[in-house]
């Protein structure tokens, strides 16, 4: 029986720099940093409020086929990869705090039927969505 989601992957170009961004800028905690063979590392972080969900910071490479890894790398370099949705308690305040830390936002906080949303990039170019949720009905999305 599946009990929860325990791991998700965010691709990056530099595991050290991306780990530092998630830890120093976003407030995540380092979880694992271990060699995986001669040319790879297993690097994970987690949010202190959700330690059961680890985010693997993975460079494009095996187990991806070479052409798939090249595609992911090109998408990262263009800033066209999705990343994570991050729940926040005050989107406008969190936005301001992250702007002060130099984070690039693609979308300023805006009211949506489901809450207040802002879209930012991590240091590799992955899109991260900040959402301050509110109750809504499916018809509100139409």
N, C-alpha and C. Protein backbone atom coordinates (compact mmCIF):
# COMPACT_ATOMS: atom_id res chain seq x y z
N UNK A 1 0.84 -1.18 0.00
CA UNK A 1 0.00 0.00 0.00
C UNK A 1 0.89 1.25 0.00
N UNK A 2 0.58 2.19 -0.86
CA UNK A 2 1.30 3.47 -0.90
C UNK A 2 0.78 4.32 0.24
N UNK A 3 1.70 4.91 1.01
CA UNK A 3 1.29 5.74 2.15
C UNK A 3 1.51 7.23 1.95
N UNK A 4 2.43 7.61 1.08
CA UNK A 4 2.65 9.03 0.81
C UNK A 4 3.69 9.19 -0.30
N UNK A 5 3.91 10.42 -0.70
CA UNK A 5 4.99 10.74 -1.63
C UNK A 5 6.20 11.08 -0.76
N UNK A 6 7.32 10.43 -1.02
CA UNK A 6 8.50 10.63 -0.18
C UNK A 6 9.66 11.30 -0.91
N UNK A 7 9.59 11.38 -2.25
CA UNK A 7 10.73 11.89 -3.02
C UNK A 7 10.23 12.49 -4.32
N UNK A 8 10.78 13.63 -4.66
CA UNK A 8 10.53 14.22 -5.97
C UNK A 8 11.86 14.78 -6.46
N UNK A 9 11.98 15.00 -7.76
CA UNK A 9 13.24 15.43 -8.35
C UNK A 9 13.12 16.82 -8.95
N UNK A 10 14.13 17.63 -8.69
CA UNK A 10 14.32 18.91 -9.36
C UNK A 10 15.68 18.81 -10.05
N UNK A 11 15.68 19.00 -11.37
CA UNK A 11 16.94 18.97 -12.11
C UNK A 11 17.68 20.28 -11.93
N UNK A 12 19.00 20.20 -11.93
CA UNK A 12 19.83 21.39 -11.76
C UNK A 12 21.13 21.20 -12.54
N UNK A 13 21.87 22.27 -12.70
CA UNK A 13 23.15 22.20 -13.41
C UNK A 13 24.33 22.10 -12.45
N UNK A 14 24.15 22.54 -11.21
CA UNK A 14 25.22 22.54 -10.21
C UNK A 14 24.59 22.16 -8.87
N UNK A 15 24.85 20.94 -8.42
CA UNK A 15 24.20 20.45 -7.20
C UNK A 15 24.57 21.27 -5.97
N UNK A 16 25.82 21.71 -5.86
CA UNK A 16 26.22 22.50 -4.69
C UNK A 16 25.50 23.84 -4.66
N UNK A 17 25.51 24.55 -5.78
CA UNK A 17 24.87 25.86 -5.84
C UNK A 17 23.37 25.76 -5.63
N UNK A 18 22.75 24.73 -6.19
CA UNK A 18 21.31 24.57 -6.04
C UNK A 18 20.96 24.18 -4.61
N UNK A 19 21.74 23.28 -4.01
CA UNK A 19 21.53 22.95 -2.59
C UNK A 19 21.63 24.21 -1.74
N UNK A 20 22.65 25.02 -1.99
CA UNK A 20 22.82 26.26 -1.21
C UNK A 20 21.64 27.20 -1.40
N UNK A 21 21.10 27.30 -2.61
CA UNK A 21 19.95 28.15 -2.86
C UNK A 21 18.75 27.67 -2.05
N UNK A 22 18.46 26.38 -2.13
CA UNK A 22 17.30 25.84 -1.41
C UNK A 22 17.47 25.96 0.11
N UNK A 23 18.70 25.81 0.59
CA UNK A 23 18.96 25.89 2.04
C UNK A 23 19.06 27.35 2.49
N UNK A 24 19.93 28.13 1.88
CA UNK A 24 20.22 29.48 2.35
C UNK A 24 19.15 30.50 2.00
N UNK A 25 18.50 30.33 0.86
CA UNK A 25 17.51 31.31 0.41
C UNK A 25 16.08 30.88 0.77
N UNK A 26 15.75 29.60 0.53
CA UNK A 26 14.38 29.15 0.73
C UNK A 26 14.13 28.53 2.11
N UNK A 27 15.17 28.24 2.87
CA UNK A 27 14.98 27.72 4.21
C UNK A 27 14.81 26.21 4.31
N UNK A 28 15.17 25.49 3.26
CA UNK A 28 15.14 24.03 3.31
C UNK A 28 16.32 23.54 4.15
N UNK A 29 16.34 22.26 4.47
CA UNK A 29 17.44 21.67 5.22
C UNK A 29 18.16 20.66 4.34
N UNK A 30 19.50 20.63 4.40
CA UNK A 30 20.23 19.59 3.67
C UNK A 30 19.89 18.24 4.28
N UNK A 31 19.72 17.23 3.47
CA UNK A 31 19.34 15.92 3.97
C UNK A 31 20.39 14.87 3.65
N UNK A 32 20.78 14.76 2.38
CA UNK A 32 21.71 13.70 1.98
C UNK A 32 22.66 14.27 0.94
N UNK A 33 23.90 13.86 1.04
CA UNK A 33 24.91 14.18 0.03
C UNK A 33 25.88 13.02 0.03
N UNK A 34 25.70 12.11 -0.94
CA UNK A 34 26.50 10.89 -0.97
C UNK A 34 26.89 10.57 -2.40
N UNK A 35 28.10 10.02 -2.59
CA UNK A 35 28.50 9.59 -3.94
C UNK A 35 27.65 8.43 -4.42
N UNK A 36 27.40 8.45 -5.72
CA UNK A 36 26.69 7.35 -6.37
C UNK A 36 27.55 6.92 -7.56
N UNK A 37 28.54 6.15 -7.30
CA UNK A 37 29.45 5.77 -8.36
C UNK A 37 30.50 6.84 -8.56
N UNK A 38 31.29 6.70 -9.63
CA UNK A 38 32.41 7.62 -9.83
C UNK A 38 32.02 9.03 -10.28
N UNK A 39 30.86 9.18 -10.93
CA UNK A 39 30.55 10.48 -11.53
C UNK A 39 29.21 11.05 -11.13
N UNK A 40 28.63 10.60 -10.03
CA UNK A 40 27.32 11.10 -9.65
C UNK A 40 27.22 11.23 -8.13
N UNK A 41 26.29 12.10 -7.70
CA UNK A 41 26.02 12.29 -6.27
C UNK A 41 24.52 12.25 -6.04
N UNK A 42 24.13 11.78 -4.88
CA UNK A 42 22.74 11.79 -4.43
C UNK A 42 22.64 12.93 -3.44
N UNK A 43 21.99 14.03 -3.86
CA UNK A 43 21.88 15.23 -3.04
C UNK A 43 20.39 15.50 -2.83
N UNK A 44 19.98 15.57 -1.56
CA UNK A 44 18.58 15.88 -1.26
C UNK A 44 18.48 16.96 -0.21
N UNK A 45 17.36 17.66 -0.26
CA UNK A 45 16.98 18.64 0.75
C UNK A 45 15.53 18.36 1.13
N UNK A 46 15.12 18.93 2.25
CA UNK A 46 13.71 18.83 2.64
C UNK A 46 13.31 20.10 3.36
N UNK A 47 12.03 20.37 3.39
CA UNK A 47 11.54 21.52 4.15
C UNK A 47 11.36 21.09 5.60
N UNK A 48 11.75 21.93 6.57
CA UNK A 48 11.65 21.52 7.97
C UNK A 48 10.23 21.17 8.42
N UNK A 49 9.22 21.72 7.76
CA UNK A 49 7.83 21.39 8.11
C UNK A 49 7.32 20.14 7.41
N UNK A 50 8.12 19.58 6.51
CA UNK A 50 7.71 18.39 5.76
C UNK A 50 8.91 17.48 5.54
N UNK A 51 9.52 17.00 6.62
CA UNK A 51 10.77 16.23 6.48
C UNK A 51 10.59 14.89 5.77
N UNK A 52 9.37 14.40 5.68
CA UNK A 52 9.15 13.12 5.02
C UNK A 52 9.22 13.21 3.50
N UNK A 53 9.24 14.43 2.95
CA UNK A 53 9.33 14.62 1.50
C UNK A 53 10.70 15.20 1.16
N UNK A 54 11.54 14.40 0.52
CA UNK A 54 12.85 14.87 0.11
C UNK A 54 12.81 15.31 -1.34
N UNK A 55 13.55 16.36 -1.64
CA UNK A 55 13.70 16.86 -3.01
C UNK A 55 15.10 16.48 -3.45
N UNK A 56 15.19 15.64 -4.48
CA UNK A 56 16.48 15.25 -5.04
C UNK A 56 16.92 16.33 -6.02
N UNK A 57 18.12 16.82 -5.84
CA UNK A 57 18.69 17.81 -6.75
C UNK A 57 19.62 17.04 -7.68
N UNK A 58 19.14 16.82 -8.89
CA UNK A 58 19.82 15.90 -9.80
C UNK A 58 20.29 16.61 -11.06
N UNK A 59 21.52 16.35 -11.44
CA UNK A 59 22.00 16.87 -12.72
C UNK A 59 21.52 15.95 -13.83
N UNK A 60 21.26 16.49 -15.02
CA UNK A 60 20.81 15.65 -16.13
C UNK A 60 21.89 14.66 -16.54
N UNK A 61 21.57 13.41 -16.50
CA UNK A 61 22.49 12.34 -16.83
C UNK A 61 21.80 11.02 -16.56
N UNK A 62 22.56 9.93 -16.46
CA UNK A 62 21.92 8.65 -16.19
C UNK A 62 21.04 8.74 -14.94
N UNK A 63 19.89 8.14 -14.96
CA UNK A 63 19.40 7.11 -15.87
C UNK A 63 18.78 7.65 -17.15
N UNK A 64 18.80 8.98 -17.37
CA UNK A 64 18.29 9.52 -18.64
C UNK A 64 19.22 9.11 -19.78
N UNK A 65 18.63 8.85 -20.93
CA UNK A 65 19.42 8.62 -22.14
C UNK A 65 20.16 9.91 -22.48
N UNK A 66 21.30 9.83 -23.15
CA UNK A 66 22.07 11.03 -23.46
C UNK A 66 21.26 12.13 -24.14
N UNK A 67 20.40 11.79 -25.11
CA UNK A 67 19.63 12.82 -25.79
C UNK A 67 18.60 13.44 -24.85
N UNK A 68 18.04 12.66 -23.94
CA UNK A 68 17.09 13.20 -22.97
C UNK A 68 17.81 14.11 -21.98
N UNK A 69 18.98 13.72 -21.53
CA UNK A 69 19.77 14.56 -20.61
C UNK A 69 20.14 15.88 -21.28
N UNK A 70 20.52 15.83 -22.56
CA UNK A 70 20.84 17.06 -23.29
C UNK A 70 19.61 17.97 -23.38
N UNK A 71 18.45 17.38 -23.63
CA UNK A 71 17.21 18.16 -23.72
C UNK A 71 16.93 18.84 -22.38
N UNK A 72 17.02 18.11 -21.28
CA UNK A 72 16.77 18.69 -19.96
C UNK A 72 17.76 19.80 -19.68
N UNK A 73 19.02 19.58 -19.99
CA UNK A 73 20.05 20.60 -19.78
C UNK A 73 19.74 21.87 -20.56
N UNK A 74 19.33 21.71 -21.83
CA UNK A 74 18.98 22.89 -22.65
C UNK A 74 17.77 23.61 -22.07
N UNK A 75 16.78 22.87 -21.59
CA UNK A 75 15.59 23.49 -21.00
C UNK A 75 15.96 24.26 -19.74
N UNK A 76 16.83 23.70 -18.93
CA UNK A 76 17.29 24.40 -17.73
C UNK A 76 18.01 25.69 -18.11
N UNK A 77 18.89 25.60 -19.08
CA UNK A 77 19.66 26.78 -19.50
C UNK A 77 18.76 27.88 -20.04
N UNK A 78 17.60 27.50 -20.62
CA UNK A 78 16.64 28.48 -21.13
C UNK A 78 15.64 28.92 -20.06
N UNK A 79 15.69 28.32 -18.89
CA UNK A 79 14.74 28.66 -17.83
C UNK A 79 13.33 28.17 -18.12
N UNK A 80 13.21 27.01 -18.75
CA UNK A 80 11.90 26.52 -19.16
C UNK A 80 11.50 25.21 -18.49
N UNK A 81 12.07 24.94 -17.31
CA UNK A 81 11.70 23.72 -16.59
C UNK A 81 10.81 24.10 -15.41
N UNK A 82 9.82 23.26 -15.17
CA UNK A 82 8.99 23.42 -13.99
C UNK A 82 9.71 22.84 -12.79
N UNK A 83 9.28 23.24 -11.63
CA UNK A 83 9.92 22.74 -10.42
C UNK A 83 8.89 22.32 -9.39
N UNK A 84 8.65 23.17 -8.42
CA UNK A 84 7.80 22.84 -7.29
C UNK A 84 6.73 23.90 -7.07
N UNK A 85 5.64 23.48 -6.45
CA UNK A 85 4.65 24.40 -5.91
C UNK A 85 4.91 24.50 -4.41
N UNK A 86 5.06 25.70 -3.90
CA UNK A 86 5.39 25.91 -2.50
C UNK A 86 4.27 26.67 -1.81
N UNK A 87 3.69 26.07 -0.79
CA UNK A 87 2.63 26.72 -0.01
C UNK A 87 3.26 27.74 0.93
N UNK A 88 2.68 28.93 0.98
CA UNK A 88 3.15 29.98 1.87
C UNK A 88 1.96 30.51 2.66
N UNK A 89 2.24 31.11 3.83
CA UNK A 89 1.15 31.66 4.62
C UNK A 89 0.83 33.10 4.24
N UNK A 90 1.78 33.81 3.63
CA UNK A 90 1.57 35.19 3.19
C UNK A 90 2.41 35.40 1.93
N UNK A 91 1.80 35.29 0.77
CA UNK A 91 2.53 35.32 -0.49
C UNK A 91 3.23 36.66 -0.72
N UNK A 92 2.55 37.74 -0.43
CA UNK A 92 3.15 39.06 -0.67
C UNK A 92 4.37 39.29 0.24
N UNK A 93 4.27 38.89 1.48
CA UNK A 93 5.39 39.04 2.42
C UNK A 93 6.56 38.14 2.00
N UNK A 94 6.27 36.88 1.67
CA UNK A 94 7.32 35.96 1.24
C UNK A 94 7.98 36.46 -0.04
N UNK A 95 7.17 36.97 -0.97
CA UNK A 95 7.71 37.54 -2.21
C UNK A 95 8.71 38.64 -1.88
N UNK A 96 8.33 39.57 -1.00
CA UNK A 96 9.21 40.68 -0.66
C UNK A 96 10.50 40.19 -0.01
N UNK A 97 10.39 39.22 0.90
CA UNK A 97 11.58 38.68 1.55
C UNK A 97 12.53 38.04 0.53
N UNK A 98 11.97 37.31 -0.44
CA UNK A 98 12.80 36.66 -1.44
C UNK A 98 13.39 37.65 -2.44
N UNK A 99 12.64 38.68 -2.79
CA UNK A 99 13.18 39.74 -3.67
C UNK A 99 14.40 40.37 -2.99
N UNK A 100 14.29 40.60 -1.69
CA UNK A 100 15.41 41.19 -0.94
C UNK A 100 16.63 40.28 -0.92
N UNK A 101 16.42 38.98 -1.13
CA UNK A 101 17.53 38.03 -1.20
C UNK A 101 18.02 37.84 -2.64
N UNK A 102 17.45 38.60 -3.59
CA UNK A 102 17.91 38.55 -4.97
C UNK A 102 17.21 37.53 -5.85
N UNK A 103 16.10 36.97 -5.40
CA UNK A 103 15.39 35.97 -6.20
C UNK A 103 14.67 36.65 -7.36
N UNK A 104 14.75 36.02 -8.53
CA UNK A 104 14.09 36.53 -9.74
C UNK A 104 12.66 36.02 -9.79
N UNK A 105 11.71 36.93 -9.93
CA UNK A 105 10.30 36.55 -10.07
C UNK A 105 9.84 36.77 -11.49
N UNK A 106 9.11 35.80 -12.01
CA UNK A 106 8.51 35.89 -13.33
C UNK A 106 7.12 36.50 -13.25
N UNK A 107 6.50 36.37 -12.08
CA UNK A 107 5.15 36.90 -11.88
C UNK A 107 5.06 37.41 -10.44
N UNK A 108 4.67 38.66 -10.30
CA UNK A 108 4.46 39.25 -8.99
C UNK A 108 3.25 38.59 -8.33
N UNK A 109 3.10 38.70 -7.01
CA UNK A 109 1.91 38.13 -6.37
C UNK A 109 0.64 38.67 -7.00
N UNK A 110 -0.29 37.76 -7.28
CA UNK A 110 -1.55 38.13 -7.92
C UNK A 110 -2.67 37.28 -7.33
N UNK A 111 -3.85 37.89 -7.20
CA UNK A 111 -5.02 37.17 -6.71
C UNK A 111 -5.51 36.21 -7.79
N UNK A 112 -5.76 35.00 -7.39
CA UNK A 112 -6.31 33.96 -8.25
C UNK A 112 -7.52 33.37 -7.52
N UNK A 113 -8.38 32.65 -8.21
CA UNK A 113 -9.54 32.06 -7.54
C UNK A 113 -9.14 31.13 -6.38
N UNK A 114 -7.98 30.51 -6.46
CA UNK A 114 -7.53 29.54 -5.46
C UNK A 114 -6.60 30.13 -4.42
N UNK A 115 -6.26 31.43 -4.54
CA UNK A 115 -5.39 32.07 -3.57
C UNK A 115 -4.52 33.14 -4.21
N UNK A 116 -3.48 33.52 -3.52
CA UNK A 116 -2.52 34.49 -4.04
C UNK A 116 -1.32 33.70 -4.54
N UNK A 117 -0.87 34.01 -5.76
CA UNK A 117 0.17 33.23 -6.42
C UNK A 117 1.27 34.16 -6.95
N UNK A 118 2.52 33.70 -6.83
CA UNK A 118 3.67 34.36 -7.45
C UNK A 118 4.54 33.27 -8.05
N UNK A 119 5.24 33.59 -9.13
CA UNK A 119 6.10 32.61 -9.80
C UNK A 119 7.52 33.14 -9.81
N UNK A 120 8.45 32.30 -9.35
CA UNK A 120 9.86 32.68 -9.26
C UNK A 120 10.71 31.62 -9.95
N UNK A 121 11.99 31.91 -10.04
CA UNK A 121 12.96 30.94 -10.55
C UNK A 121 13.95 30.60 -9.46
N UNK A 122 14.37 29.33 -9.43
CA UNK A 122 15.48 29.00 -8.55
C UNK A 122 16.78 29.38 -9.27
N UNK A 123 17.92 29.07 -8.68
CA UNK A 123 19.19 29.50 -9.27
C UNK A 123 19.53 28.80 -10.58
N UNK A 124 18.82 27.70 -10.90
CA UNK A 124 19.06 27.00 -12.15
C UNK A 124 18.07 27.41 -13.23
N UNK A 125 16.98 28.06 -12.86
CA UNK A 125 15.97 28.47 -13.83
C UNK A 125 14.67 27.72 -13.71
N UNK A 126 14.57 26.74 -12.79
CA UNK A 126 13.30 26.05 -12.57
C UNK A 126 12.26 27.03 -12.07
N UNK A 127 11.05 26.87 -12.56
CA UNK A 127 9.95 27.69 -12.09
C UNK A 127 9.44 27.13 -10.78
N UNK A 128 9.30 27.98 -9.78
CA UNK A 128 8.72 27.61 -8.50
C UNK A 128 7.51 28.51 -8.28
N UNK A 129 6.40 27.93 -7.91
CA UNK A 129 5.16 28.69 -7.71
C UNK A 129 4.91 28.81 -6.21
N UNK A 130 4.78 30.03 -5.74
CA UNK A 130 4.38 30.28 -4.36
C UNK A 130 2.87 30.46 -4.34
N UNK A 131 2.19 29.74 -3.46
CA UNK A 131 0.73 29.87 -3.38
C UNK A 131 0.31 30.02 -1.93
N UNK A 132 -0.43 31.08 -1.67
CA UNK A 132 -1.13 31.28 -0.41
C UNK A 132 -2.56 30.84 -0.68
N UNK A 133 -2.91 29.61 -0.32
CA UNK A 133 -4.20 29.06 -0.74
C UNK A 133 -5.39 29.65 0.00
N UNK A 134 -6.54 29.59 -0.66
CA UNK A 134 -7.81 29.92 -0.02
C UNK A 134 -8.84 28.95 -0.55
N UNK A 135 -9.93 28.82 0.17
CA UNK A 135 -11.00 27.92 -0.26
C UNK A 135 -11.60 28.42 -1.57
N UNK A 136 -11.92 27.47 -2.44
CA UNK A 136 -12.55 27.82 -3.71
C UNK A 136 -13.37 26.63 -4.18
N UNK A 137 -14.22 26.90 -5.12
CA UNK A 137 -15.03 25.87 -5.77
C UNK A 137 -14.51 25.68 -7.19
N UNK A 138 -14.63 24.49 -7.74
CA UNK A 138 -14.15 24.27 -9.12
C UNK A 138 -14.73 25.28 -10.11
N UNK A 139 -15.97 25.72 -9.89
CA UNK A 139 -16.59 26.69 -10.80
C UNK A 139 -15.85 28.02 -10.77
N UNK A 140 -15.11 28.30 -9.67
CA UNK A 140 -14.36 29.56 -9.58
C UNK A 140 -13.23 29.61 -10.60
N UNK A 141 -12.80 28.46 -11.11
CA UNK A 141 -11.69 28.40 -12.05
C UNK A 141 -12.12 28.68 -13.49
N UNK A 142 -13.41 28.61 -13.76
CA UNK A 142 -13.91 28.77 -15.12
C UNK A 142 -13.85 30.21 -15.60
